[in-house]
Amino acid sequence: MDEQAQAAAKHNRMMHEPVEKLVMSLAVPTILSMLVTAVYSMADTFFVSRLGTQATGGVGICFSVMAIIQAIGFTFGQGAGNTVARLLGRQDRQSAVTVASTGFFTALAVSALLALAGSFSV
């Protein structure tokens, strides 16, 4: 199937499927990803807890920092994604590409700053 046919099929799906079904089908990958992350965190905490309370505390602190970093990433991803979706709905592909690129490189720059700040805090 070529790119135009795929785009037409996706557009048709968005326009004609019931909203409840669309939301569920689009939410499942995100839900699964969050569940895998939670299971990984619990398994990590279980094994580290055998090393003692200080190690478990370290995992807790790292998890909090990781959650903050993820929230910042989600902010850029969701913000850019929503704007791109609106622009694509208006058939403004060039602006959508610009917004997507700007969102990606802004998130990359913020990530680099966070990594730099983290390397000095150790």
PDB file of N, CA and C in Angstrom:
ATOM      1  N   MET A   1       0.858  -1.178   0.000  1.00  0.00           N
ATOM      2  CA  MET A   1       0.000   0.000   0.000  1.00  0.00           C
ATOM      3  C   MET A   1       0.901   1.236   0.000  1.00  0.00           C
ATOM      4  N   ASP A   2       0.654   2.162  -0.904  1.00  0.00           N
ATOM      5  CA  ASP A   2       1.500   3.344  -0.964  1.00  0.00           C
ATOM      6  C   ASP A   2       1.104   4.351   0.116  1.00  0.00           C
ATOM      7  N   GLU A   3       1.913   5.396   0.217  1.00  0.00           N
ATOM      8  CA  GLU A   3       1.741   6.372   1.298  1.00  0.00           C
ATOM      9  C   GLU A   3       0.393   7.094   1.232  1.00  0.00           C
ATOM     10  N   GLN A   4      -0.049   7.447   0.047  1.00  0.00           N
ATOM     11  CA  GLN A   4      -1.327   8.149  -0.087  1.00  0.00           C
ATOM     12  C   GLN A   4      -2.496   7.249   0.297  1.00  0.00           C
ATOM     13  N   ALA A   5      -2.415   5.987  -0.058  1.00  0.00           N
ATOM     14  CA  ALA A   5      -3.487   5.052   0.300  1.00  0.00           C
ATOM     15  C   ALA A   5      -3.532   4.837   1.809  1.00  0.00           C
ATOM     16  N   GLN A   6      -2.354   4.762   2.437  1.00  0.00           N
ATOM     17  CA  GLN A   6      -2.310   4.620   3.897  1.00  0.00           C
ATOM     18  C   GLN A   6      -2.894   5.852   4.574  1.00  0.00           C
ATOM     19  N   ALA A   7      -2.531   7.031   4.074  1.00  0.00           N
ATOM     20  CA  ALA A   7      -3.061   8.266   4.644  1.00  0.00           C
ATOM     21  C   ALA A   7      -4.575   8.326   4.482  1.00  0.00           C
ATOM     22  N   ALA A   8      -5.068   7.918   3.331  1.00  0.00           N
ATOM     23  CA  ALA A   8      -6.514   7.919   3.097  1.00  0.00           C
ATOM     24  C   ALA A   8      -7.217   6.930   4.021  1.00  0.00           C
ATOM     25  N   ALA A   9      -6.601   5.764   4.241  1.00  0.00           N
ATOM     26  CA  ALA A   9      -7.194   4.769   5.137  1.00  0.00           C
ATOM     27  C   ALA A   9      -7.235   5.286   6.573  1.00  0.00           C
ATOM     28  N   LYS A  10      -6.157   5.947   7.007  1.00  0.00           N
ATOM     29  CA  LYS A  10      -6.132   6.512   8.364  1.00  0.00           C
ATOM     30  C   LYS A  10      -7.170   7.625   8.507  1.00  0.00           C
ATOM     31  N   HIS A  11      -7.264   8.472   7.485  1.00  0.00           N
ATOM     32  CA  HIS A  11      -8.251   9.553   7.517  1.00  0.00           C
ATOM     33  C   HIS A  11      -9.658   8.980   7.581  1.00  0.00           C
ATOM     34  N   ASN A  12      -9.921   7.969   6.780  1.00  0.00           N
ATOM     35  CA  ASN A  12     -11.232   7.320   6.775  1.00  0.00           C
ATOM     36  C   ASN A  12     -11.543   6.725   8.146  1.00  0.00           C
ATOM     37  N   ARG A  13     -10.547   6.096   8.750  1.00  0.00           N
ATOM     38  CA  ARG A  13     -10.737   5.505  10.081  1.00  0.00           C
ATOM     39  C   ARG A  13     -11.095   6.585  11.104  1.00  0.00           C
ATOM     40  N   MET A  14     -10.365   7.698  11.079  1.00  0.00           N
ATOM     41  CA  MET A  14     -10.610   8.776  12.038  1.00  0.00           C
ATOM     42  C   MET A  14     -11.976   9.423  11.844  1.00  0.00           C
ATOM     43  N   MET A  15     -12.446   9.447  10.619  1.00  0.00           N
ATOM     44  CA  MET A  15     -13.711  10.116  10.334  1.00  0.00           C
ATOM     45  C   MET A  15     -14.930   9.230  10.562  1.00  0.00           C
ATOM     46  N   HIS A  16     -14.771   7.902  10.462  1.00  0.00           N
ATOM     47  CA  HIS A  16     -15.953   7.049  10.455  1.00  0.00           C
ATOM     48  C   HIS A  16     -16.056   6.062  11.613  1.00  0.00           C
ATOM     49  N   GLU A  17     -14.965   5.763  12.298  1.00  0.00           N
ATOM     50  CA  GLU A  17     -15.061   4.841  13.437  1.00  0.00           C
ATOM     51  C   GLU A  17     -15.631   5.572  14.643  1.00  0.00           C
ATOM     52  N   PRO A  18     -16.328   4.867  15.512  1.00  0.00           N
ATOM     53  CA  PRO A  18     -16.828   5.501  16.736  1.00  0.00           C
ATOM     54  C   PRO A  18     -15.667   6.011  17.599  1.00  0.00           C
ATOM     55  N   VAL A  19     -15.886   7.148  18.227  1.00  0.00           N
ATOM     56  CA  VAL A  19     -14.833   7.788  19.014  1.00  0.00           C
ATOM     57  C   VAL A  19     -14.343   6.874  20.133  1.00  0.00           C
ATOM     58  N   GLU A  20     -15.258   6.185  20.801  1.00  0.00           N
ATOM     59  CA  GLU A  20     -14.866   5.314  21.912  1.00  0.00           C
ATOM     60  C   GLU A  20     -13.897   4.232  21.441  1.00  0.00           C
ATOM     61  N   LYS A  21     -14.187   3.647  20.295  1.00  0.00           N
ATOM     62  CA  LYS A  21     -13.326   2.594  19.748  1.00  0.00           C
ATOM     63  C   LYS A  21     -11.959   3.164  19.358  1.00  0.00           C
ATOM     64  N   LEU A  22     -11.948   4.347  18.761  1.00  0.00           N
ATOM     65  CA  LEU A  22     -10.687   4.983  18.384  1.00  0.00           C
ATOM     66  C   LEU A  22      -9.829   5.289  19.602  1.00  0.00           C
ATOM     67  N   VAL A  23     -10.448   5.876  20.616  1.00  0.00           N
ATOM     68  CA  VAL A  23      -9.695   6.231  21.819  1.00  0.00           C
ATOM     69  C   VAL A  23      -9.089   4.987  22.449  1.00  0.00           C
ATOM     70  N   MET A  24      -9.866   3.936  22.549  1.00  0.00           N
ATOM     71  CA  MET A  24      -9.348   2.704  23.153  1.00  0.00           C
ATOM     72  C   MET A  24      -8.206   2.118  22.326  1.00  0.00           C
ATOM     73  N   SER A  25      -8.370   2.072  21.013  1.00  0.00           N
ATOM     74  CA  SER A  25      -7.321   1.467  20.182  1.00  0.00           C
ATOM     75  C   SER A  25      -6.052   2.306  20.170  1.00  0.00           C
ATOM     76  N   LEU A  26      -6.182   3.618  20.281  1.00  0.00           N
ATOM     77  CA  LEU A  26      -5.005   4.474  20.302  1.00  0.00           C
ATOM     78  C   LEU A  26      -4.374   4.549  21.690  1.00  0.00           C
ATOM     79  N   ALA A  27      -5.156   4.283  22.736  1.00  0.00           N
ATOM     80  CA  ALA A  27      -4.634   4.361  24.099  1.00  0.00           C
ATOM     81  C   ALA A  27      -3.918   3.091  24.535  1.00  0.00           C
ATOM     82  N   VAL A  28      -4.247   1.964  23.939  1.00  0.00           N
ATOM     83  CA  VAL A  28      -3.679   0.679  24.376  1.00  0.00           C
ATOM     84  C   VAL A  28      -2.149   0.674  24.358  1.00  0.00           C
ATOM     85  N   PRO A  29      -1.472   1.134  23.300  1.00  0.00           N
ATOM     86  CA  PRO A  29      -0.002   1.113  23.341  1.00  0.00           C
ATOM     87  C   PRO A  29       0.580   1.952  24.481  1.00  0.00           C
ATOM     88  N   THR A  30      -0.025   3.096  24.756  1.00  0.00           N
ATOM     89  CA  THR A  30       0.452   3.937  25.850  1.00  0.00           C
ATOM     90  C   THR A  30       0.223   3.262  27.190  1.00  0.00           C
ATOM     91  N   ILE A  31      -0.930   2.663  27.366  1.00  0.00           N
ATOM     92  CA  ILE A  31      -1.234   1.961  28.616  1.00  0.00           C
ATOM     93  C   ILE A  31      -0.258   0.813  28.828  1.00  0.00           C
ATOM     94  N   LEU A  32      -0.004   0.038  27.788  1.00  0.00           N
ATOM     95  CA  LEU A  32       0.944  -1.074  27.906  1.00  0.00           C
ATOM     96  C   LEU A  32       2.343  -0.579  28.245  1.00  0.00           C
ATOM     97  N   SER A  33       2.752   0.505  27.635  1.00  0.00           N
ATOM     98  CA  SER A  33       4.064   1.078  27.922  1.00  0.00           C
ATOM     99  C   SER A  33       4.178   1.496  29.383  1.00  0.00           C
ATOM    100  N   MET A  34       3.136   2.124  29.898  1.00  0.00           N
ATOM    101  CA  MET A  34       3.156   2.547  31.299  1.00  0.00           C
ATOM    102  C   MET A  34       3.158   1.345  32.238  1.00  0.00           C
ATOM    103  N   LEU A  35       2.428   0.292  31.889  1.00  0.00           N
ATOM    104  CA  LEU A  35       2.423  -0.922  32.707  1.00  0.00           C
ATOM    105  C   LEU A  35       3.793  -1.585  32.729  1.00  0.00           C
ATOM    106  N   VAL A  36       4.451  -1.647  31.579  1.00  0.00           N
ATOM    107  CA  VAL A  36       5.795  -2.230  31.523  1.00  0.00           C
ATOM    108  C   VAL A  36       6.757  -1.416  32.379  1.00  0.00           C
ATOM    109  N   THR A  37       6.658  -0.102  32.315  1.00  0.00           N
ATOM    110  CA  THR A  37       7.519   0.751  33.133  1.00  0.00           C
ATOM    111  C   THR A  37       7.269   0.515  34.618  1.00  0.00           C
ATOM    112  N   ALA A  38       6.011   0.391  35.015  1.00  0.00           N
ATOM    113  CA  ALA A  38       5.685   0.146  36.424  1.00  0.00           C
ATOM    114  C   ALA A  38       6.207  -1.211  36.885  1.00  0.00           C
ATOM    115  N   VAL A  39       6.037  -2.243  36.062  1.00  0.00           N
ATOM    116  CA  VAL A  39       6.531  -3.580  36.423  1.00  0.00           C
ATOM    117  C   VAL A  39       8.051  -3.564  36.524  1.00  0.00           C
ATOM    118  N   TYR A  40       8.707  -2.895  35.596  1.00  0.00           N
ATOM    119  CA  TYR A  40      10.168  -2.782  35.639  1.00  0.00           C
ATOM    120  C   TYR A  40      10.614  -2.104  36.928  1.00  0.00           C
ATOM    121  N   SER A  41       9.934  -1.038  37.293  1.00  0.00           N
ATOM    122  CA  SER A  41      10.286  -0.314  38.518  1.00  0.00           C
ATOM    123  C   SER A  41      10.090  -1.185  39.753  1.00  0.00           C
ATOM    124  N   MET A  42       8.994  -1.932  39.798  1.00  0.00           N
ATOM    125  CA  MET A  42       8.756  -2.813  40.955  1.00  0.00           C
ATOM    126  C   MET A  42       9.797  -3.921  41.021  1.00  0.00           C
ATOM    127  N   ALA A  43      10.145  -4.504  39.880  1.00  0.00           N
ATOM    128  CA  ALA A  43      11.162  -5.560  39.862  1.00  0.00           C
ATOM    129  C   ALA A  43      12.513  -5.000  40.282  1.00  0.00           C
ATOM    130  N   ASP A  44      12.830  -3.815  39.802  1.00  0.00           N
ATOM    131  CA  ASP A  44      14.086  -3.165  40.174  1.00  0.00           C
ATOM    132  C   ASP A  44      14.137  -2.925  41.675  1.00  0.00           C
ATOM    133  N   THR A  45      13.060  -2.405  42.225  1.00  0.00           N
ATOM    134  CA  THR A  45      13.001  -2.145  43.665  1.00  0.00           C
ATOM    135  C   THR A  45      13.103  -3.440  44.455  1.00  0.00           C
ATOM    136  N   PHE A  46      12.477  -4.502  43.994  1.00  0.00           N
ATOM    137  CA  PHE A  46      12.541  -5.789  44.688  1.00  0.00           C
ATOM    138  C   PHE A  46      13.981  -6.278  44.797  1.00  0.00           C
ATOM    139  N   PHE A  47      14.695  -6.282  43.684  1.00  0.00           N
ATOM    140  CA  PHE A  47      16.057  -6.806  43.705  1.00  0.00           C
ATOM    141  C   PHE A  47      17.016  -5.879  44.449  1.00  0.00           C
ATOM    142  N   VAL A  48      16.832  -4.583  44.310  1.00  0.00           N
ATOM    143  CA  VAL A  48      17.705  -3.639  45.006  1.00  0.00           C
ATOM    144  C   VAL A  48      17.430  -3.662  46.504  1.00  0.00           C
ATOM    145  N   SER A  49      16.196  -3.972  46.906  1.00  0.00           N
ATOM    146  CA  SER A  49      15.870  -3.995  48.342  1.00  0.00           C
ATOM    147  C   SER A  49      16.700  -5.029  49.094  1.00  0.00           C
ATOM    148  N   ARG A  50      17.198  -6.016  48.405  1.00  0.00           N
ATOM    149  CA  ARG A  50      18.059  -7.020  49.044  1.00  0.00           C
ATOM    150  C   ARG A  50      19.427  -6.451  49.403  1.00  0.00           C
ATOM    151  N   LEU A  51      19.763  -5.289  48.847  1.00  0.00           N
ATOM    152  CA  LEU A  51      21.043  -4.652  49.152  1.00  0.00           C
ATOM    153  C   LEU A  51      20.963  -3.748  50.375  1.00  0.00           C
ATOM    154  N   GLY A  52      19.759  -3.403  50.799  1.00  0.00           N
ATOM    155  CA  GLY A  52      19.608  -2.585  51.996  1.00  0.00           C
ATOM    156  C   GLY A  52      18.739  -1.365  51.761  1.00  0.00           C
ATOM    157  N   THR A  53      18.521  -0.638  52.856  1.00  0.00           N
ATOM    158  CA  THR A  53      17.624   0.517  52.792  1.00  0.00           C
ATOM    159  C   THR A  53      18.229   1.683  52.025  1.00  0.00           C
ATOM    160  N   GLN A  54      19.547   1.862  52.112  1.00  0.00           N
ATOM    161  CA  GLN A  54      20.162   2.969  51.371  1.00  0.00           C
ATOM    162  C   GLN A  54      20.023   2.763  49.864  1.00  0.00           C
ATOM    163  N   ALA A  55      20.224   1.545  49.419  1.00  0.00           N
ATOM    164  CA  ALA A  55      20.078   1.257  47.987  1.00  0.00           C
ATOM    165  C   ALA A  55      18.633   1.462  47.538  1.00  0.00           C
ATOM    166  N   THR A  56      17.695   1.033  48.360  1.00  0.00           N
ATOM    167  CA  THR A  56      16.281   1.210  48.024  1.00  0.00           C
ATOM    168  C   THR A  56      15.927   2.693  47.977  1.00  0.00           C
ATOM    169  N   GLY A  57      16.460   3.462  48.906  1.00  0.00           N
ATOM    170  CA  GLY A  57      16.245   4.907  48.899  1.00  0.00           C
ATOM    171  C   GLY A  57      16.812   5.557  47.644  1.00  0.00           C
ATOM    172  N   GLY A  58      17.970   5.073  47.212  1.00  0.00           N
ATOM    173  CA  GLY A  58      18.573   5.589  45.983  1.00  0.00           C
ATOM    174  C   GLY A  58      17.701   5.328  44.771  1.00  0.00           C
ATOM    175  N   VAL A  59      17.109   4.137  44.716  1.00  0.00           N
ATOM    176  CA  VAL A  59      16.207   3.816  43.606  1.00  0.00           C
ATOM    177  C   VAL A  59      14.987   4.738  43.645  1.00  0.00           C
ATOM    178  N   GLY A  60      14.477   4.998  44.843  1.00  0.00           N
ATOM    179  CA  GLY A  60      13.327   5.892  44.973  1.00  0.00           C
ATOM    180  C   GLY A  60      13.634   7.297  44.490  1.00  0.00           C
ATOM    181  N   ILE A  61      14.812   7.792  44.842  1.00  0.00           N
ATOM    182  CA  ILE A  61      15.205   9.130  44.399  1.00  0.00           C
ATOM    183  C   ILE A  61      15.374   9.154  42.883  1.00  0.00           C
ATOM    184  N   CYS A  62      16.024   8.140  42.352  1.00  0.00           N
ATOM    185  CA  CYS A  62      16.230   8.076  40.893  1.00  0.00           C
ATOM    186  C   CYS A  62      14.902   7.979  40.151  1.00  0.00           C
ATOM    187  N   PHE A  63      13.952   7.242  40.719  1.00  0.00           N
ATOM    188  CA  PHE A  63      12.645   7.125  40.075  1.00  0.00           C
ATOM    189  C   PHE A  63      11.957   8.482  40.011  1.00  0.00           C
ATOM    190  N   SER A  64      12.076   9.269  41.084  1.00  0.00           N
ATOM    191  CA  SER A  64      11.464  10.600  41.092  1.00  0.00           C
ATOM    192  C   SER A  64      12.091  11.497  40.032  1.00  0.00           C
ATOM    193  N   VAL A  65      13.405  11.453  39.925  1.00  0.00           N
ATOM    194  CA  VAL A  65      14.093  12.259  38.911  1.00  0.00           C
ATOM    195  C   VAL A  65      13.678  11.802  37.515  1.00  0.00           C
ATOM    196  N   MET A  66      13.598  10.492  37.323  1.00  0.00           N
ATOM    197  CA  MET A  66      13.185   9.950  36.028  1.00  0.00           C
ATOM    198  C   MET A  66      11.758  10.395  35.684  1.00  0.00           C
ATOM    199  N   ALA A  67      10.882  10.419  36.677  1.00  0.00           N
ATOM    200  CA  ALA A  67       9.500  10.843  36.437  1.00  0.00           C
ATOM    201  C   ALA A  67       9.442  12.308  36.012  1.00  0.00           C
ATOM    202  N   ILE A  68      10.265  13.141  36.616  1.00  0.00           N
ATOM    203  CA  ILE A  68      10.307  14.560  36.240  1.00  0.00           C
ATOM    204  C   ILE A  68      10.810  14.715  34.809  1.00  0.00           C
ATOM    205  N   ILE A  69      11.854  13.978  34.466  1.00  0.00           N
ATOM    206  CA  ILE A  69      12.396  14.048  33.108  1.00  0.00           C
ATOM    207  C   ILE A  69      11.358  13.565  32.096  1.00  0.00           C
ATOM    208  N   GLN A  70      10.653  12.484  32.424  1.00  0.00           N
ATOM    209  CA  GLN A  70       9.601  11.994  31.530  1.00  0.00           C
ATOM    210  C   GLN A  70       8.489  13.027  31.376  1.00  0.00           C
ATOM    211  N   ALA A  71       8.115  13.685  32.462  1.00  0.00           N
ATOM    212  CA  ALA A  71       7.055  14.693  32.389  1.00  0.00           C
ATOM    213  C   ALA A  71       7.456  15.840  31.469  1.00  0.00           C
ATOM    214  N   ILE A  72       8.710  16.242  31.542  1.00  0.00           N
ATOM    215  CA  ILE A  72       9.188  17.304  30.652  1.00  0.00           C
ATOM    216  C   ILE A  72       9.136  16.832  29.200  1.00  0.00           C
ATOM    217  N   GLY A  73       9.569  15.609  28.963  1.00  0.00           N
ATOM    218  CA  GLY A  73       9.507  15.057  27.608  1.00  0.00           C
ATOM    219  C   GLY A  73       8.083  14.940  27.101  1.00  0.00           C
ATOM    220  N   PHE A  74       7.177  14.486  27.969  1.00  0.00           N
ATOM    221  CA  PHE A  74       5.769  14.372  27.582  1.00  0.00           C
ATOM    222  C   PHE A  74       5.183  15.741  27.254  1.00  0.00           C
ATOM    223  N   THR A  75       5.619  16.770  27.975  1.00  0.00           N
ATOM    224  CA  THR A  75       5.126  18.120  27.718  1.00  0.00           C
ATOM    225  C   THR A  75       5.440  18.540  26.287  1.00  0.00           C
ATOM    226  N   PHE A  76       6.692  18.354  25.887  1.00  0.00           N
ATOM    227  CA  PHE A  76       7.062  18.718  24.515  1.00  0.00           C
ATOM    228  C   PHE A  76       6.376  17.809  23.498  1.00  0.00           C
ATOM    229  N   GLY A  77       6.338  16.529  23.779  1.00  0.00           N
ATOM    230  CA  GLY A  77       5.736  15.582  22.845  1.00  0.00           C
ATOM    231  C   GLY A  77       4.254  15.820  22.646  1.00  0.00           C
ATOM    232  N   GLN A  78       3.528  15.984  23.740  1.00  0.00           N
ATOM    233  CA  GLN A  78       2.084  16.196  23.631  1.00  0.00           C
ATOM    234  C   GLN A  78       1.762  17.559  23.031  1.00  0.00           C
ATOM    235  N   GLY A  79       2.498  18.576  23.442  1.00  0.00           N
ATOM    236  CA  GLY A  79       2.254  19.913  22.898  1.00  0.00           C
ATOM    237  C   GLY A  79       2.494  19.968  21.401  1.00  0.00           C
ATOM    238  N   ALA A  80       3.635  19.449  20.983  1.00  0.00           N
ATOM    239  CA  ALA A  80       3.940  19.442  19.551  1.00  0.00           C
ATOM    240  C   ALA A  80       2.976  18.523  18.803  1.00  0.00           C
ATOM    241  N   GLY A  81       2.664  17.378  19.389  1.00  0.00           N
ATOM    242  CA  GLY A  81       1.759  16.429  18.735  1.00  0.00           C
ATOM    243  C   GLY A  81       0.375  17.009  18.511  1.00  0.00           C
ATOM    244  N   ASN A  82      -0.155  17.712  19.504  1.00  0.00           N
ATOM    245  CA  ASN A  82      -1.477  18.329  19.353  1.00  0.00           C
ATOM    246  C   ASN A  82      -1.468  19.407  18.276  1.00  0.00           C
ATOM    247  N   THR A  83      -0.414  20.210  18.280  1.00  0.00           N
ATOM    248  CA  THR A  83      -0.320  21.269  17.278  1.00  0.00           C
ATOM    249  C   THR A  83      -0.154  20.687  15.879  1.00  0.00           C
ATOM    250  N   VAL A  84       0.671  19.653  15.756  1.00  0.00           N
ATOM    251  CA  VAL A  84       0.861  18.996  14.457  1.00  0.00           C
ATOM    252  C   VAL A  84      -0.461  18.411  13.964  1.00  0.00           C
ATOM    253  N   ALA A  85      -1.218  17.795  14.860  1.00  0.00           N
ATOM    254  CA  ALA A  85      -2.504  17.211  14.463  1.00  0.00           C
ATOM    255  C   ALA A  85      -3.450  18.281  13.931  1.00  0.00           C
ATOM    256  N   ARG A  86      -3.491  19.421  14.586  1.00  0.00           N
ATOM    257  CA  ARG A  86      -4.359  20.503  14.110  1.00  0.00           C
ATOM    258  C   ARG A  86      -3.909  21.014  12.743  1.00  0.00           C
ATOM    259  N   LEU A  87      -2.594  21.177  12.603  1.00  0.00           N
ATOM    260  CA  LEU A  87      -2.076  21.666  11.323  1.00  0.00           C
ATOM    261  C   LEU A  87      -2.331  20.667  10.198  1.00  0.00           C
ATOM    262  N   LEU A  88      -2.170  19.394  10.476  1.00  0.00           N
ATOM    263  CA  LEU A  88      -2.458  18.388   9.452  1.00  0.00           C
ATOM    264  C   LEU A  88      -3.943  18.359   9.117  1.00  0.00           C
ATOM    265  N   GLY A  89      -4.786  18.611  10.119  1.00  0.00           N
ATOM    266  CA  GLY A  89      -6.222  18.695   9.867  1.00  0.00           C
ATOM    267  C   GLY A  89      -6.571  19.849   8.950  1.00  0.00           C
ATOM    268  N   ARG A  90      -5.788  20.910   9.005  1.00  0.00           N
ATOM    269  CA  ARG A  90      -5.972  22.063   8.113  1.00  0.00           C
ATOM    270  C   ARG A  90      -5.239  21.890   6.784  1.00  0.00           C
ATOM    271  N   GLN A  91      -4.623  20.714   6.602  1.00  0.00           N
ATOM    272  CA  GLN A  91      -3.848  20.420   5.388  1.00  0.00           C
ATOM    273  C   GLN A  91      -2.621  21.323   5.249  1.00  0.00           C
ATOM    274  N   ASP A  92      -2.077  21.794   6.363  1.00  0.00           N
ATOM    275  CA  ASP A  92      -0.881  22.651   6.358  1.00  0.00           C
ATOM    276  C   ASP A  92       0.326  21.790   6.723  1.00  0.00           C
ATOM    277  N   ARG A  93       0.766  20.995   5.769  1.00  0.00           N
ATOM    278  CA  ARG A  93       1.832  20.013   6.011  1.00  0.00           C
ATOM    279  C   ARG A  93       3.166  20.689   6.340  1.00  0.00           C
ATOM    280  N   GLN A  94       3.494  21.781   5.660  1.00  0.00           N
ATOM    281  CA  GLN A  94       4.786  22.441   5.885  1.00  0.00           C
ATOM    282  C   GLN A  94       4.893  22.976   7.314  1.00  0.00           C
ATOM    283  N   SER A  95       3.847  23.611   7.811  1.00  0.00           N
ATOM    284  CA  SER A  95       3.868  24.100   9.191  1.00  0.00           C
ATOM    285  C   SER A  95       3.928  22.943  10.177  1.00  0.00           C
ATOM    286  N   ALA A  96       3.265  21.838   9.861  1.00  0.00           N
ATOM    287  CA  ALA A  96       3.297  20.663  10.735  1.00  0.00           C
ATOM    288  C   ALA A  96       4.711  20.107  10.837  1.00  0.00           C
ATOM    289  N   VAL A  97       5.415  20.053   9.709  1.00  0.00           N
ATOM    290  CA  VAL A  97       6.806  19.580   9.720  1.00  0.00           C
ATOM    291  C   VAL A  97       7.669  20.520  10.555  1.00  0.00           C
ATOM    292  N   THR A  98       7.453  21.814  10.411  1.00  0.00           N
ATOM    293  CA  THR A  98       8.221  22.796  11.176  1.00  0.00           C
ATOM    294  C   THR A  98       7.969  22.643  12.671  1.00  0.00           C
ATOM    295  N   VAL A  99       6.711  22.505  13.067  1.00  0.00           N
ATOM    296  CA  VAL A  99       6.374  22.351  14.487  1.00  0.00           C
ATOM    297  C   VAL A  99       6.948  21.051  15.043  1.00  0.00           C
ATOM    298  N   ALA A 100       6.845  19.969  14.285  1.00  0.00           N
ATOM    299  CA  ALA A 100       7.388  18.687  14.744  1.00  0.00           C
ATOM    300  C   ALA A 100       8.898  18.777  14.929  1.00  0.00           C
ATOM    301  N   SER A 101       9.586  19.396  13.986  1.00  0.00           N
ATOM    302  CA  SER A 101      11.040  19.554  14.094  1.00  0.00           C
ATOM    303  C   SER A 101      11.409  20.438  15.277  1.00  0.00           C
ATOM    304  N   THR A 102      10.684  21.529  15.436  1.00  0.00           N
ATOM    305  CA  THR A 102      10.954  22.434  16.551  1.00  0.00           C
ATOM    306  C   THR A 102      10.728  21.734  17.885  1.00  0.00           C
ATOM    307  N   GLY A 103       9.643  20.990  18.003  1.00  0.00           N
ATOM    308  CA  GLY A 103       9.378  20.247  19.232  1.00  0.00           C
ATOM    309  C   GLY A 103      10.463  19.237  19.528  1.00  0.00           C
ATOM    310  N   PHE A 104      10.904  18.509  18.499  1.00  0.00           N
ATOM    311  CA  PHE A 104      11.952  17.502  18.686  1.00  0.00           C
ATOM    312  C   PHE A 104      13.255  18.144  19.135  1.00  0.00           C
ATOM    313  N   PHE A 105      13.700  19.181  18.428  1.00  0.00           N
ATOM    314  CA  PHE A 105      14.987  19.779  18.761  1.00  0.00           C
ATOM    315  C   PHE A 105      14.944  20.553  20.074  1.00  0.00           C
ATOM    316  N   THR A 106      13.791  21.110  20.429  1.00  0.00           N
ATOM    317  CA  THR A 106      13.659  21.751  21.740  1.00  0.00           C
ATOM    318  C   THR A 106      13.761  20.712  22.847  1.00  0.00           C
ATOM    319  N   ALA A 107      13.088  19.587  22.679  1.00  0.00           N
ATOM    320  CA  ALA A 107      13.184  18.504  23.665  1.00  0.00           C
ATOM    321  C   ALA A 107      14.611  17.985  23.754  1.00  0.00           C
ATOM    322  N   LEU A 108      15.293  17.881  22.625  1.00  0.00           N
ATOM    323  CA  LEU A 108      16.684  17.432  22.614  1.00  0.00           C
ATOM    324  C   LEU A 108      17.576  18.411  23.372  1.00  0.00           C
ATOM    325  N   ALA A 109      17.376  19.714  23.152  1.00  0.00           N
ATOM    326  CA  ALA A 109      18.176  20.728  23.843  1.00  0.00           C
ATOM    327  C   ALA A 109      17.918  20.704  25.347  1.00  0.00           C
ATOM    328  N   VAL A 110      16.655  20.595  25.738  1.00  0.00           N
ATOM    329  CA  VAL A 110      16.328  20.535  27.165  1.00  0.00           C
ATOM    330  C   VAL A 110      16.913  19.269  27.785  1.00  0.00           C
ATOM    331  N   SER A 111      16.874  18.167  27.058  1.00  0.00           N
ATOM    332  CA  SER A 111      17.464  16.918  27.552  1.00  0.00           C
ATOM    333  C   SER A 111      18.962  17.067  27.756  1.00  0.00           C
ATOM    334  N   ALA A 112      19.626  17.728  26.820  1.00  0.00           N
ATOM    335  CA  ALA A 112      21.067  17.954  26.959  1.00  0.00           C
ATOM    336  C   ALA A 112      21.361  18.816  28.183  1.00  0.00           C
ATOM    337  N   LEU A 113      20.537  19.842  28.403  1.00  0.00           N
ATOM    338  CA  LEU A 113      20.725  20.686  29.591  1.00  0.00           C
ATOM    339  C   LEU A 113      20.501  19.892  30.879  1.00  0.00           C
ATOM    340  N   LEU A 114      19.480  19.046  30.892  1.00  0.00           N
ATOM    341  CA  LEU A 114      19.233  18.209  32.071  1.00  0.00           C
ATOM    342  C   LEU A 114      20.379  17.228  32.302  1.00  0.00           C
ATOM    343  N   ALA A 115      20.909  16.655  31.233  1.00  0.00           N
ATOM    344  CA  ALA A 115      22.040  15.734  31.360  1.00  0.00           C
ATOM    345  C   ALA A 115      23.264  16.464  31.894  1.00  0.00           C
ATOM    346  N   LEU A 116      23.488  17.667  31.407  1.00  0.00           N
ATOM    347  CA  LEU A 116      24.614  18.466  31.881  1.00  0.00           C
ATOM    348  C   LEU A 116      24.441  18.825  33.353  1.00  0.00           C
ATOM    349  N   ALA A 117      23.240  19.249  33.723  1.00  0.00           N
ATOM    350  CA  ALA A 117      22.969  19.572  35.132  1.00  0.00           C
ATOM    351  C   ALA A 117      23.119  18.333  36.003  1.00  0.00           C
ATOM    352  N   GLY A 118      22.665  17.191  35.518  1.00  0.00           N
ATOM    353  CA  GLY A 118      22.785  15.951  36.276  1.00  0.00           C
ATOM    354  C   GLY A 118      24.219  15.517  36.459  1.00  0.00           C
ATOM    355  N   SER A 119      25.060  15.758  35.455  1.00  0.00           N
ATOM    356  CA  SER A 119      26.457  15.339  35.578  1.00  0.00           C
ATOM    357  C   SER A 119      27.209  16.179  36.604  1.00  0.00           C
ATOM    358  N   PHE A 120      26.770  17.427  36.814  1.00  0.00           N
ATOM    359  CA  PHE A 120      27.427  18.262  37.818  1.00  0.00           C
ATOM    360  C   PHE A 120      26.875  18.042  39.222  1.00  0.00           C
ATOM    361  N   SER A 121      25.722  17.395  39.321  1.00  0.00           N
ATOM    362  CA  SER A 121      25.122  17.196  40.646  1.00  0.00           C
ATOM    363  C   SER A 121      25.595  15.915  41.314  1.00  0.00           C
ATOM    364  N   VAL A 122      26.345  15.099  40.605  1.00  0.00           N
ATOM    365  CA  VAL A 122      26.785  13.813  41.169  1.00  0.00           C
ATOM    366  C   VAL A 122      27.974  14.000  42.056  1.00  0.00           C
TER     367      VAL A 122
END
